[in-house]
Amino acid sequence: MFIVLDGADGVGKSTQVGLLADWLRSLGYQVVTCRDPGSTPLGEAIRGLLLDRHDLHMALKAEMLLYMAARAQMVEEVIHPALAAGKAVVSDRYLLANVVYQGYGGGLDVDTLWEIGRAATGGLGPDLTIVLDVPPEVASARLGSKRDRIEARDRDFHARVRQGFLEEARRSPDQIVVLDSTGTVEQVQQQIQEILRRRGLVRPV
């Protein structure tokens, strides 16, 4: 089982990934968590370039390809081995984020991004992506003042990103589910668990 939690910056993905992994372990699953970009030595080095280097000029296509490279390494080094061993994988972001941020947010062609992404991942997609969604003002307040290179982009960019997630969910309702995550951490986690049960993706091991 391969589950992805995604959404705009500030929606609470990282917290929910940890809680979801704990719940799956309580059901008897062996669980591997990862974050995209990251989770490998190469991926973490690329993550530092992408998010922390405010001084570094980066063309949008170069930015997109760096995300793809980090993901390709994560699939090869982390996700494929975990799935082959019968483990569940829960990822904080995956290919959808690349499509939305550099496509809808940045203006690159969305269909081309999906094609490049399929090549980078060997066609490996999640069983389900749950997009956590909150109003932009809520997400912005959660981020606070210290922001990485992507989070620091303007309001219009983040509005396009949010709309991109919603549009991709409309395009692929069987693969992408949008969840209102304005409730408490516990309420959101319960809703995530219910989605997985309703989709028949979880069972006691």
N, C-alpha and C. Protein backbone atom coordinates (compact mmCIF):
# COMPACT_ATOMS: atom_id res chain seq x y z
N MET A 1 0.84 -1.19 0.00
CA MET A 1 0.00 0.00 0.00
C MET A 1 0.88 1.24 0.00
N PHE A 2 0.57 2.18 -0.87
CA PHE A 2 1.34 3.41 -1.02
C PHE A 2 0.36 4.58 -0.96
N ILE A 3 0.44 5.35 0.12
CA ILE A 3 -0.47 6.48 0.36
C ILE A 3 0.34 7.77 0.39
N VAL A 4 -0.19 8.80 -0.24
CA VAL A 4 0.45 10.12 -0.25
C VAL A 4 -0.49 11.14 0.38
N LEU A 5 0.06 11.97 1.25
CA LEU A 5 -0.65 13.15 1.75
C LEU A 5 -0.02 14.37 1.11
N ASP A 6 -0.84 15.22 0.53
CA ASP A 6 -0.32 16.36 -0.20
C ASP A 6 -1.20 17.58 0.08
N GLY A 7 -0.88 18.68 -0.58
CA GLY A 7 -1.62 19.91 -0.37
C GLY A 7 -0.69 21.10 -0.32
N ALA A 8 -1.28 22.28 -0.26
CA ALA A 8 -0.50 23.51 -0.21
C ALA A 8 0.30 23.59 1.09
N ASP A 9 1.30 24.46 1.09
CA ASP A 9 2.10 24.65 2.30
C ASP A 9 1.21 25.15 3.44
N GLY A 10 1.40 24.57 4.62
CA GLY A 10 0.67 25.01 5.80
C GLY A 10 -0.60 24.24 6.09
N VAL A 11 -0.87 23.15 5.36
CA VAL A 11 -2.12 22.41 5.58
C VAL A 11 -1.99 21.33 6.65
N GLY A 12 -0.77 21.01 7.09
CA GLY A 12 -0.61 20.03 8.16
C GLY A 12 -0.21 18.64 7.72
N LYS A 13 0.40 18.52 6.56
CA LYS A 13 0.76 17.21 6.01
C LYS A 13 1.69 16.41 6.92
N SER A 14 2.76 17.04 7.35
CA SER A 14 3.80 16.31 8.09
C SER A 14 3.24 15.71 9.38
N THR A 15 2.43 16.46 10.09
CA THR A 15 1.81 15.96 11.31
C THR A 15 0.94 14.75 11.01
N GLN A 16 0.13 14.86 9.95
CA GLN A 16 -0.80 13.78 9.61
C GLN A 16 -0.08 12.55 9.08
N VAL A 17 1.04 12.72 8.41
CA VAL A 17 1.82 11.57 7.95
C VAL A 17 2.27 10.74 9.15
N GLY A 18 2.79 11.40 10.18
CA GLY A 18 3.22 10.68 11.38
C GLY A 18 2.09 9.96 12.08
N LEU A 19 0.94 10.62 12.19
CA LEU A 19 -0.21 10.00 12.86
C LEU A 19 -0.75 8.83 12.05
N LEU A 20 -0.79 8.99 10.73
CA LEU A 20 -1.28 7.91 9.87
C LEU A 20 -0.36 6.69 9.97
N ALA A 21 0.94 6.93 9.97
CA ALA A 21 1.89 5.82 10.09
C ALA A 21 1.69 5.08 11.41
N ASP A 22 1.48 5.84 12.49
CA ASP A 22 1.26 5.21 13.80
C ASP A 22 -0.01 4.36 13.79
N TRP A 23 -1.06 4.87 13.16
CA TRP A 23 -2.32 4.13 13.10
C TRP A 23 -2.16 2.84 12.30
N LEU A 24 -1.49 2.94 11.17
CA LEU A 24 -1.27 1.74 10.35
C LEU A 24 -0.45 0.70 11.10
N ARG A 25 0.55 1.15 11.86
CA ARG A 25 1.34 0.21 12.67
C ARG A 25 0.46 -0.46 13.72
N SER A 26 -0.51 0.29 14.25
CA SER A 26 -1.40 -0.30 15.26
C SER A 26 -2.28 -1.39 14.66
N LEU A 27 -2.46 -1.35 13.33
CA LEU A 27 -3.24 -2.38 12.64
C LEU A 27 -2.38 -3.58 12.24
N GLY A 28 -1.07 -3.45 12.45
CA GLY A 28 -0.18 -4.55 12.15
C GLY A 28 0.70 -4.36 10.93
N TYR A 29 0.59 -3.21 10.27
CA TYR A 29 1.42 -2.95 9.10
C TYR A 29 2.85 -2.58 9.52
N GLN A 30 3.80 -2.98 8.70
CA GLN A 30 5.13 -2.39 8.75
C GLN A 30 5.08 -1.16 7.84
N VAL A 31 5.51 -0.02 8.37
CA VAL A 31 5.30 1.24 7.65
C VAL A 31 6.63 1.97 7.45
N VAL A 32 6.81 2.46 6.24
CA VAL A 32 7.93 3.34 5.92
C VAL A 32 7.36 4.71 5.56
N THR A 33 7.89 5.76 6.18
CA THR A 33 7.47 7.12 5.83
C THR A 33 8.59 7.80 5.06
N CYS A 34 8.21 8.72 4.19
CA CYS A 34 9.20 9.48 3.45
C CYS A 34 8.66 10.86 3.15
N ARG A 35 9.56 11.75 2.74
CA ARG A 35 9.14 13.09 2.34
C ARG A 35 9.78 13.41 1.00
N ASP A 36 9.01 14.10 0.17
CA ASP A 36 9.41 14.40 -1.20
C ASP A 36 9.45 15.91 -1.38
N PRO A 37 10.62 16.50 -1.62
CA PRO A 37 11.92 15.85 -1.85
C PRO A 37 12.59 15.47 -0.53
N GLY A 38 13.45 14.45 -0.60
CA GLY A 38 14.20 14.04 0.58
C GLY A 38 14.24 12.54 0.73
N SER A 39 14.51 12.11 1.96
CA SER A 39 14.47 10.69 2.37
C SER A 39 15.64 9.84 1.87
N THR A 40 16.54 10.42 1.09
CA THR A 40 17.79 9.76 0.71
C THR A 40 18.90 10.80 0.83
N PRO A 41 20.16 10.39 0.90
CA PRO A 41 21.23 11.40 0.94
C PRO A 41 21.17 12.37 -0.25
N LEU A 42 20.96 11.83 -1.46
CA LEU A 42 20.84 12.71 -2.63
C LEU A 42 19.62 13.61 -2.52
N GLY A 43 18.48 13.01 -2.13
CA GLY A 43 17.25 13.77 -2.02
C GLY A 43 17.34 14.90 -1.01
N GLU A 44 17.99 14.65 0.12
CA GLU A 44 18.12 15.69 1.14
C GLU A 44 19.04 16.81 0.66
N ALA A 45 20.10 16.45 -0.10
CA ALA A 45 20.98 17.48 -0.66
C ALA A 45 20.22 18.36 -1.65
N ILE A 46 19.39 17.72 -2.50
CA ILE A 46 18.58 18.48 -3.45
C ILE A 46 17.55 19.33 -2.70
N ARG A 47 16.97 18.78 -1.65
CA ARG A 47 15.99 19.53 -0.85
C ARG A 47 16.59 20.83 -0.33
N GLY A 48 17.85 20.74 0.13
CA GLY A 48 18.51 21.94 0.62
C GLY A 48 18.65 23.00 -0.46
N LEU A 49 18.97 22.58 -1.68
CA LEU A 49 19.07 23.53 -2.79
C LEU A 49 17.71 24.15 -3.11
N LEU A 50 16.68 23.31 -3.14
CA LEU A 50 15.36 23.76 -3.56
C LEU A 50 14.70 24.69 -2.54
N LEU A 51 14.87 24.39 -1.27
CA LEU A 51 14.09 25.10 -0.25
C LEU A 51 14.87 26.14 0.54
N ASP A 52 16.17 25.93 0.72
CA ASP A 52 16.93 26.77 1.64
C ASP A 52 17.78 27.85 0.99
N ARG A 53 18.05 27.70 -0.31
CA ARG A 53 18.97 28.63 -0.97
C ARG A 53 18.22 29.81 -1.58
N HIS A 54 17.86 30.77 -0.74
CA HIS A 54 17.17 31.97 -1.21
C HIS A 54 18.07 32.80 -2.13
N ASP A 55 19.38 32.62 -2.02
CA ASP A 55 20.33 33.41 -2.80
C ASP A 55 20.61 32.82 -4.18
N LEU A 56 20.07 31.65 -4.45
CA LEU A 56 20.42 30.92 -5.67
C LEU A 56 19.34 31.10 -6.73
N HIS A 57 19.70 31.71 -7.86
CA HIS A 57 18.73 31.83 -8.96
C HIS A 57 18.53 30.45 -9.59
N MET A 58 17.28 30.09 -9.81
CA MET A 58 16.98 28.77 -10.34
C MET A 58 15.86 28.90 -11.38
N ALA A 59 16.17 28.56 -12.62
CA ALA A 59 15.14 28.55 -13.66
C ALA A 59 14.05 27.55 -13.30
N LEU A 60 12.82 27.84 -13.69
CA LEU A 60 11.70 27.00 -13.29
C LEU A 60 11.86 25.56 -13.80
N LYS A 61 12.36 25.40 -15.03
CA LYS A 61 12.56 24.04 -15.54
C LYS A 61 13.64 23.31 -14.75
N ALA A 62 14.67 24.03 -14.35
CA ALA A 62 15.71 23.41 -13.53
C ALA A 62 15.15 23.00 -12.18
N GLU A 63 14.33 23.86 -11.59
CA GLU A 63 13.67 23.55 -10.32
C GLU A 63 12.83 22.29 -10.45
N MET A 64 12.04 22.23 -11.52
CA MET A 64 11.19 21.07 -11.75
C MET A 64 12.00 19.78 -11.86
N LEU A 65 13.09 19.83 -12.61
CA LEU A 65 13.90 18.64 -12.84
C LEU A 65 14.63 18.20 -11.57
N LEU A 66 14.99 19.14 -10.72
CA LEU A 66 15.60 18.77 -9.44
C LEU A 66 14.60 18.00 -8.58
N TYR A 67 13.36 18.46 -8.54
CA TYR A 67 12.33 17.71 -7.82
C TYR A 67 12.18 16.30 -8.40
N MET A 68 12.18 16.21 -9.73
CA MET A 68 12.05 14.90 -10.36
C MET A 68 13.22 13.99 -10.01
N ALA A 69 14.43 14.55 -9.99
CA ALA A 69 15.61 13.75 -9.68
C ALA A 69 15.56 13.23 -8.25
N ALA A 70 15.18 14.09 -7.32
CA ALA A 70 15.08 13.66 -5.92
C ALA A 70 14.05 12.54 -5.77
N ARG A 71 12.94 12.66 -6.50
CA ARG A 71 11.88 11.64 -6.42
C ARG A 71 12.33 10.33 -7.05
N ALA A 72 13.04 10.41 -8.16
CA ALA A 72 13.54 9.20 -8.80
C ALA A 72 14.43 8.41 -7.85
N GLN A 73 15.28 9.14 -7.11
CA GLN A 73 16.16 8.48 -6.14
C GLN A 73 15.37 7.87 -4.99
N MET A 74 14.36 8.59 -4.52
CA MET A 74 13.54 8.10 -3.42
C MET A 74 12.77 6.84 -3.82
N VAL A 75 12.25 6.81 -5.04
CA VAL A 75 11.55 5.61 -5.52
C VAL A 75 12.51 4.43 -5.56
N GLU A 76 13.70 4.66 -6.11
CA GLU A 76 14.68 3.59 -6.27
C GLU A 76 15.20 3.08 -4.93
N GLU A 77 15.46 4.00 -4.01
CA GLU A 77 16.16 3.66 -2.78
C GLU A 77 15.24 3.34 -1.61
N VAL A 78 14.04 3.93 -1.61
CA VAL A 78 13.15 3.80 -0.44
C VAL A 78 11.83 3.11 -0.78
N ILE A 79 11.10 3.65 -1.75
CA ILE A 79 9.72 3.21 -1.95
C ILE A 79 9.65 1.82 -2.58
N HIS A 80 10.37 1.61 -3.66
CA HIS A 80 10.34 0.29 -4.31
C HIS A 80 10.75 -0.83 -3.35
N PRO A 81 11.87 -0.68 -2.62
CA PRO A 81 12.26 -1.76 -1.70
C PRO A 81 11.22 -2.01 -0.61
N ALA A 82 10.60 -0.94 -0.11
CA ALA A 82 9.60 -1.10 0.95
C ALA A 82 8.38 -1.86 0.42
N LEU A 83 7.89 -1.46 -0.74
CA LEU A 83 6.72 -2.13 -1.30
C LEU A 83 7.03 -3.58 -1.64
N ALA A 84 8.23 -3.81 -2.16
CA ALA A 84 8.63 -5.19 -2.51
C ALA A 84 8.69 -6.08 -1.28
N ALA A 85 8.98 -5.48 -0.13
CA ALA A 85 9.05 -6.23 1.13
C ALA A 85 7.69 -6.35 1.81
N GLY A 86 6.64 -5.87 1.17
CA GLY A 86 5.30 -5.97 1.73
C GLY A 86 4.96 -4.91 2.75
N LYS A 87 5.72 -3.83 2.78
CA LYS A 87 5.47 -2.77 3.74
C LYS A 87 4.54 -1.72 3.16
N ALA A 88 3.90 -0.96 4.04
CA ALA A 88 3.11 0.19 3.61
C ALA A 88 4.02 1.41 3.55
N VAL A 89 3.78 2.27 2.58
CA VAL A 89 4.55 3.51 2.44
C VAL A 89 3.60 4.69 2.55
N VAL A 90 3.97 5.65 3.41
CA VAL A 90 3.21 6.90 3.55
C VAL A 90 4.17 8.04 3.23
N SER A 91 3.86 8.82 2.20
CA SER A 91 4.76 9.88 1.76
C SER A 91 4.15 11.26 1.95
N ASP A 92 4.98 12.16 2.43
CA ASP A 92 4.65 13.58 2.53
C ASP A 92 5.02 14.20 1.18
N ARG A 93 4.04 14.31 0.29
CA ARG A 93 4.14 14.78 -1.09
C ARG A 93 4.65 13.68 -2.02
N TYR A 94 4.33 13.90 -3.31
CA TYR A 94 4.84 13.02 -4.37
C TYR A 94 4.67 13.78 -5.69
N LEU A 95 4.51 13.09 -6.77
CA LEU A 95 4.52 13.72 -8.10
C LEU A 95 3.47 14.80 -8.27
N LEU A 96 2.30 14.61 -7.69
CA LEU A 96 1.23 15.61 -7.83
C LEU A 96 1.72 17.00 -7.44
N ALA A 97 2.51 17.09 -6.38
CA ALA A 97 3.00 18.39 -5.93
C ALA A 97 3.86 19.05 -6.99
N ASN A 98 4.71 18.28 -7.66
CA ASN A 98 5.55 18.80 -8.74
C ASN A 98 4.68 19.37 -9.86
N VAL A 99 3.66 18.61 -10.24
CA VAL A 99 2.74 19.05 -11.29
C VAL A 99 2.05 20.34 -10.90
N VAL A 100 1.60 20.42 -9.67
CA VAL A 100 0.83 21.59 -9.23
C VAL A 100 1.72 22.82 -9.02
N TYR A 101 2.83 22.65 -8.33
CA TYR A 101 3.67 23.81 -8.03
C TYR A 101 4.36 24.38 -9.26
N GLN A 102 4.96 23.51 -10.09
CA GLN A 102 5.65 24.04 -11.26
C GLN A 102 4.73 24.18 -12.47
N GLY A 103 3.60 23.47 -12.46
CA GLY A 103 2.64 23.58 -13.54
C GLY A 103 1.63 24.69 -13.29
N TYR A 104 0.68 24.43 -12.43
CA TYR A 104 -0.35 25.44 -12.15
C TYR A 104 0.25 26.69 -11.51
N GLY A 105 1.20 26.50 -10.58
CA GLY A 105 1.80 27.66 -9.93
C GLY A 105 2.78 28.40 -10.81
N GLY A 106 3.65 27.65 -11.49
CA GLY A 106 4.73 28.28 -12.25
C GLY A 106 4.47 28.49 -13.71
N GLY A 107 3.53 27.74 -14.29
CA GLY A 107 3.18 27.94 -15.68
C GLY A 107 3.72 26.93 -16.66
N LEU A 108 4.43 25.89 -16.19
CA LEU A 108 4.86 24.84 -17.09
C LEU A 108 3.68 23.97 -17.51
N ASP A 109 3.82 23.29 -18.64
CA ASP A 109 2.72 22.49 -19.16
C ASP A 109 2.43 21.29 -18.26
N VAL A 110 1.20 21.19 -17.81
CA VAL A 110 0.81 20.16 -16.84
C VAL A 110 0.95 18.76 -17.41
N ASP A 111 0.48 18.53 -18.62
CA ASP A 111 0.55 17.19 -19.20
C ASP A 111 2.00 16.74 -19.40
N THR A 112 2.86 17.67 -19.78
CA THR A 112 4.28 17.35 -19.94
C THR A 112 4.90 16.96 -18.60
N LEU A 113 4.51 17.66 -17.54
CA LEU A 113 5.02 17.34 -16.21
C LEU A 113 4.62 15.93 -15.78
N TRP A 114 3.39 15.55 -16.07
CA TRP A 114 2.95 14.18 -15.75
C TRP A 114 3.80 13.17 -16.53
N GLU A 115 4.09 13.45 -17.78
CA GLU A 115 4.89 12.53 -18.59
C GLU A 115 6.31 12.40 -18.04
N ILE A 116 6.93 13.53 -17.71
CA ILE A 116 8.28 13.50 -17.14
C ILE A 116 8.25 12.76 -15.80
N GLY A 117 7.22 13.00 -15.03
CA GLY A 117 7.10 12.34 -13.73
C GLY A 117 6.96 10.84 -13.85
N ARG A 118 6.20 10.38 -14.82
CA ARG A 118 6.06 8.94 -15.02
C ARG A 118 7.39 8.31 -15.41
N ALA A 119 8.17 9.04 -16.21
CA ALA A 119 9.49 8.53 -16.57
C ALA A 119 10.42 8.49 -15.36
N ALA A 120 10.37 9.53 -14.54
CA ALA A 120 11.26 9.61 -13.37
C ALA A 120 10.94 8.55 -12.33
N THR A 121 9.69 8.18 -12.21
CA THR A 121 9.28 7.22 -11.18
C THR A 121 9.11 5.80 -11.71
N GLY A 122 9.37 5.60 -13.00
CA GLY A 122 9.12 4.29 -13.59
C GLY A 122 7.65 3.94 -13.60
N GLY A 123 6.80 4.96 -13.58
CA GLY A 123 5.36 4.73 -13.61
C GLY A 123 4.75 4.38 -12.26
N LEU A 124 5.54 4.46 -11.19
CA LEU A 124 5.02 4.10 -9.87
C LEU A 124 4.17 5.24 -9.31
N GLY A 125 2.89 4.97 -9.12
CA GLY A 125 2.00 5.96 -8.51
C GLY A 125 1.40 5.43 -7.23
N PRO A 126 0.90 6.31 -6.38
CA PRO A 126 0.29 5.88 -5.12
C PRO A 126 -1.05 5.21 -5.35
N ASP A 127 -1.45 4.38 -4.38
CA ASP A 127 -2.79 3.83 -4.41
C ASP A 127 -3.83 4.92 -4.21
N LEU A 128 -3.47 5.93 -3.44
CA LEU A 128 -4.37 7.06 -3.20
C LEU A 128 -3.56 8.26 -2.73
N THR A 129 -3.95 9.43 -3.24
CA THR A 129 -3.41 10.71 -2.73
C THR A 129 -4.53 11.45 -2.04
N ILE A 130 -4.30 11.85 -0.80
CA ILE A 130 -5.26 12.67 -0.06
C ILE A 130 -4.70 14.08 0.02
N VAL A 131 -5.42 15.02 -0.58
CA VAL A 131 -5.02 16.42 -0.58
C VAL A 131 -5.69 17.11 0.60
N LEU A 132 -4.89 17.58 1.54
CA LEU A 132 -5.41 18.34 2.67
C LEU A 132 -5.59 19.78 2.21
N ASP A 133 -6.76 20.34 2.49
CA ASP A 133 -7.10 21.66 1.96
C ASP A 133 -7.62 22.57 3.05
N VAL A 134 -7.08 23.78 3.11
CA VAL A 134 -7.59 24.81 4.00
C VAL A 134 -7.62 26.13 3.22
N PRO A 135 -8.41 27.11 3.67
CA PRO A 135 -8.39 28.42 3.00
C PRO A 135 -6.99 29.02 3.05
N PRO A 136 -6.62 29.82 2.05
CA PRO A 136 -5.26 30.38 1.98
C PRO A 136 -4.84 31.14 3.22
N GLU A 137 -5.78 31.88 3.82
CA GLU A 137 -5.41 32.68 5.00
C GLU A 137 -5.07 31.78 6.19
N VAL A 138 -5.72 30.63 6.28
CA VAL A 138 -5.43 29.68 7.35
C VAL A 138 -4.05 29.07 7.14
N ALA A 139 -3.77 28.66 5.89
CA ALA A 139 -2.46 28.08 5.58
C ALA A 139 -1.35 29.07 5.85
N SER A 140 -1.56 30.33 5.46
CA SER A 140 -0.53 31.36 5.65
C SER A 140 -0.25 31.60 7.12
N ALA A 141 -1.31 31.62 7.93
CA ALA A 141 -1.13 31.84 9.37
C ALA A 141 -0.37 30.69 10.01
N ARG A 142 -0.60 29.48 9.54
CA ARG A 142 0.08 28.31 10.09
C ARG A 142 1.58 28.33 9.76
N LEU A 143 1.94 28.92 8.63
CA LEU A 143 3.34 28.93 8.23
C LEU A 143 4.20 29.86 9.09
N GLY A 144 3.61 30.94 9.56
CA GLY A 144 4.38 31.90 10.34
C GLY A 144 5.27 32.74 9.44
N SER A 145 6.28 33.36 10.02
CA SER A 145 7.11 34.32 9.27
C SER A 145 8.35 33.70 8.66
N LYS A 146 8.85 32.59 9.21
CA LYS A 146 10.05 31.95 8.68
C LYS A 146 9.65 30.95 7.60
N ARG A 147 9.96 31.28 6.35
CA ARG A 147 9.48 30.47 5.23
C ARG A 147 10.62 30.06 4.31
N ASP A 148 10.46 28.86 3.72
CA ASP A 148 11.49 28.42 2.78
C ASP A 148 11.30 29.13 1.43
N ARG A 149 12.13 28.77 0.46
CA ARG A 149 12.15 29.48 -0.82
C ARG A 149 10.82 29.39 -1.56
N ILE A 150 10.12 28.26 -1.43
CA ILE A 150 8.84 28.08 -2.10
C ILE A 150 7.72 28.75 -1.30
N GLU A 151 7.74 28.54 0.01
CA GLU A 151 6.70 29.14 0.87
C GLU A 151 6.70 30.66 0.78
N ALA A 152 7.87 31.25 0.49
CA ALA A 152 8.00 32.71 0.48
C ALA A 152 7.43 33.36 -0.78
N ARG A 153 6.98 32.56 -1.73
CA ARG A 153 6.42 33.14 -2.95
C ARG A 153 5.10 33.85 -2.67
N ASP A 154 4.66 34.68 -3.61
CA ASP A 154 3.55 35.58 -3.33
C ASP A 154 2.20 34.87 -3.24
N ARG A 155 1.23 35.62 -2.80
CA ARG A 155 -0.11 35.09 -2.56
C ARG A 155 -0.75 34.52 -3.82
N ASP A 156 -0.54 35.21 -4.96
CA ASP A 156 -1.13 34.73 -6.20
C ASP A 156 -0.58 33.35 -6.58
N PHE A 157 0.72 33.14 -6.37
CA PHE A 157 1.31 31.83 -6.65
C PHE A 157 0.63 30.76 -5.82
N HIS A 158 0.48 31.01 -4.53
CA HIS A 158 -0.11 30.00 -3.65
C HIS A 158 -1.60 29.79 -3.95
N ALA A 159 -2.28 30.82 -4.43
CA ALA A 159 -3.67 30.66 -4.84
C ALA A 159 -3.76 29.73 -6.05
N ARG A 160 -2.82 29.90 -7.00
CA ARG A 160 -2.80 29.02 -8.18
C ARG A 160 -2.48 27.59 -7.78
N VAL A 161 -1.59 27.43 -6.81
CA VAL A 161 -1.24 26.10 -6.32
C VAL A 161 -2.48 25.42 -5.74
N ARG A 162 -3.18 26.13 -4.89
CA ARG A 162 -4.38 25.52 -4.30
C ARG A 162 -5.38 25.12 -5.36
N GLN A 163 -5.62 26.00 -6.32
CA GLN A 163 -6.56 25.68 -7.39
C GLN A 163 -6.07 24.51 -8.23
N GLY A 164 -4.75 24.40 -8.37
CA GLY A 164 -4.19 23.27 -9.10
C GLY A 164 -4.49 21.94 -8.42
N PHE A 165 -4.34 21.89 -7.11
CA PHE A 165 -4.67 20.66 -6.39
C PHE A 165 -6.15 20.31 -6.58
N LEU A 166 -7.01 21.31 -6.49
CA LEU A 166 -8.45 21.06 -6.64
C LEU A 166 -8.79 20.61 -8.05
N GLU A 167 -8.14 21.21 -9.04
CA GLU A 167 -8.39 20.84 -10.43
C GLU A 167 -7.93 19.41 -10.72
N GLU A 168 -6.75 19.05 -10.24
CA GLU A 168 -6.26 17.69 -10.47
C GLU A 168 -7.14 16.66 -9.77
N ALA A 169 -7.69 17.01 -8.62
CA ALA A 169 -8.61 16.10 -7.93
C ALA A 169 -9.89 15.93 -8.75
N ARG A 170 -10.35 17.01 -9.38
CA ARG A 170 -11.54 16.90 -10.23
C ARG A 170 -11.24 16.03 -11.45
N ARG A 171 -10.03 16.13 -11.96
CA ARG A 171 -9.65 15.36 -13.15
C ARG A 171 -9.47 13.87 -12.84
N SER A 172 -9.05 13.56 -11.62
CA SER A 172 -8.74 12.16 -11.28
C SER A 172 -9.36 11.79 -9.92
N PRO A 173 -10.68 11.75 -9.83
CA PRO A 173 -11.33 11.50 -8.54
C PRO A 173 -11.06 10.12 -7.97
N ASP A 174 -10.69 9.15 -8.80
CA ASP A 174 -10.40 7.82 -8.28
C ASP A 174 -9.03 7.76 -7.61
N GLN A 175 -8.13 8.65 -7.99
CA GLN A 175 -6.77 8.64 -7.46
C GLN A 175 -6.50 9.73 -6.42
N ILE A 176 -7.31 10.82 -6.45
CA ILE A 176 -7.03 11.98 -5.61
C ILE A 176 -8.30 12.39 -4.88
N VAL A 177 -8.22 12.49 -3.56
CA VAL A 177 -9.35 12.89 -2.72
C VAL A 177 -8.97 14.17 -1.98
N VAL A 178 -9.86 15.15 -1.98
CA VAL A 178 -9.64 16.39 -1.25
C VAL A 178 -10.34 16.31 0.10
N LEU A 179 -9.60 16.67 1.15
CA LEU A 179 -10.13 16.62 2.52
C LEU A 179 -9.98 17.99 3.17
N ASP A 180 -11.10 18.54 3.62
CA ASP A 180 -11.07 19.79 4.38
C ASP A 180 -10.33 19.55 5.69
N SER A 181 -9.20 20.20 5.87
CA SER A 181 -8.39 19.97 7.07
C SER A 181 -8.38 21.15 8.01
N THR A 182 -9.51 21.88 8.07
CA THR A 182 -9.60 23.01 8.99
C THR A 182 -9.95 22.57 10.41
N GLY A 183 -10.30 21.30 10.60
CA GLY A 183 -10.65 20.81 11.94
C GLY A 183 -9.41 20.60 12.79
N THR A 184 -9.61 19.99 13.94
CA THR A 184 -8.48 19.68 14.82
C THR A 184 -7.61 18.60 14.19
N VAL A 185 -6.41 18.47 14.70
CA VAL A 185 -5.50 17.43 14.21
C VAL A 185 -6.16 16.06 14.32
N GLU A 186 -6.82 15.82 15.45
CA GLU A 186 -7.47 14.52 15.68
C GLU A 186 -8.62 14.30 14.72
N GLN A 187 -9.42 15.33 14.46
CA GLN A 187 -10.54 15.20 13.54
C GLN A 187 -10.07 14.89 12.12
N VAL A 188 -9.03 15.58 11.70
CA VAL A 188 -8.50 15.35 10.35
C VAL A 188 -7.96 13.93 10.22
N GLN A 189 -7.25 13.47 11.24
CA GLN A 189 -6.71 12.11 11.20
C GLN A 189 -7.83 11.08 11.12
N GLN A 190 -8.89 11.29 11.88
CA GLN A 190 -10.02 10.36 11.83
C GLN A 190 -10.63 10.32 10.44
N GLN A 191 -10.71 11.47 9.79
CA GLN A 191 -11.26 11.52 8.43
C GLN A 191 -10.35 10.81 7.44
N ILE A 192 -9.03 10.96 7.60
CA ILE A 192 -8.09 10.25 6.74
C ILE A 192 -8.28 8.74 6.89
N GLN A 193 -8.37 8.29 8.12
CA GLN A 193 -8.56 6.87 8.37
C GLN A 193 -9.86 6.37 7.76
N GLU A 194 -10.90 7.15 7.85
CA GLU A 194 -12.19 6.76 7.29
C GLU A 194 -12.12 6.67 5.77
N ILE A 195 -11.42 7.59 5.14
CA ILE A 195 -11.25 7.53 3.68
C ILE A 195 -10.57 6.24 3.28
N LEU A 196 -9.51 5.87 4.00
CA LEU A 196 -8.79 4.64 3.65
C LEU A 196 -9.66 3.41 3.88
N ARG A 197 -10.45 3.41 4.95
CA ARG A 197 -11.37 2.29 5.18
C ARG A 197 -12.41 2.21 4.06
N ARG A 198 -12.98 3.35 3.72
CA ARG A 198 -14.04 3.39 2.73
C ARG A 198 -13.52 2.94 1.36
N ARG A 199 -12.27 3.22 1.08
CA ARG A 199 -11.66 2.81 -0.19
C ARG A 199 -11.18 1.35 -0.16
N GLY A 200 -11.29 0.71 0.99
CA GLY A 200 -10.86 -0.68 1.11
C GLY A 200 -9.36 -0.86 1.08
N LEU A 201 -8.64 0.17 1.49
CA LEU A 201 -7.17 0.10 1.42
C LEU A 201 -6.53 -0.40 2.69
N VAL A 202 -7.27 -0.45 3.79
CA VAL A 202 -6.69 -0.91 5.05
C VAL A 202 -7.49 -2.07 5.59
N ARG A 203 -6.77 -2.94 6.29
CA ARG A 203 -7.38 -4.07 6.97
C ARG A 203 -6.42 -4.50 8.09
N PRO A 204 -6.92 -5.07 9.16
CA PRO A 204 -6.01 -5.58 10.19
C PRO A 204 -5.09 -6.66 9.60
N VAL A 205 -3.81 -6.59 9.95
CA VAL A 205 -2.82 -7.55 9.43
C VAL A 205 -2.63 -8.67 10.42
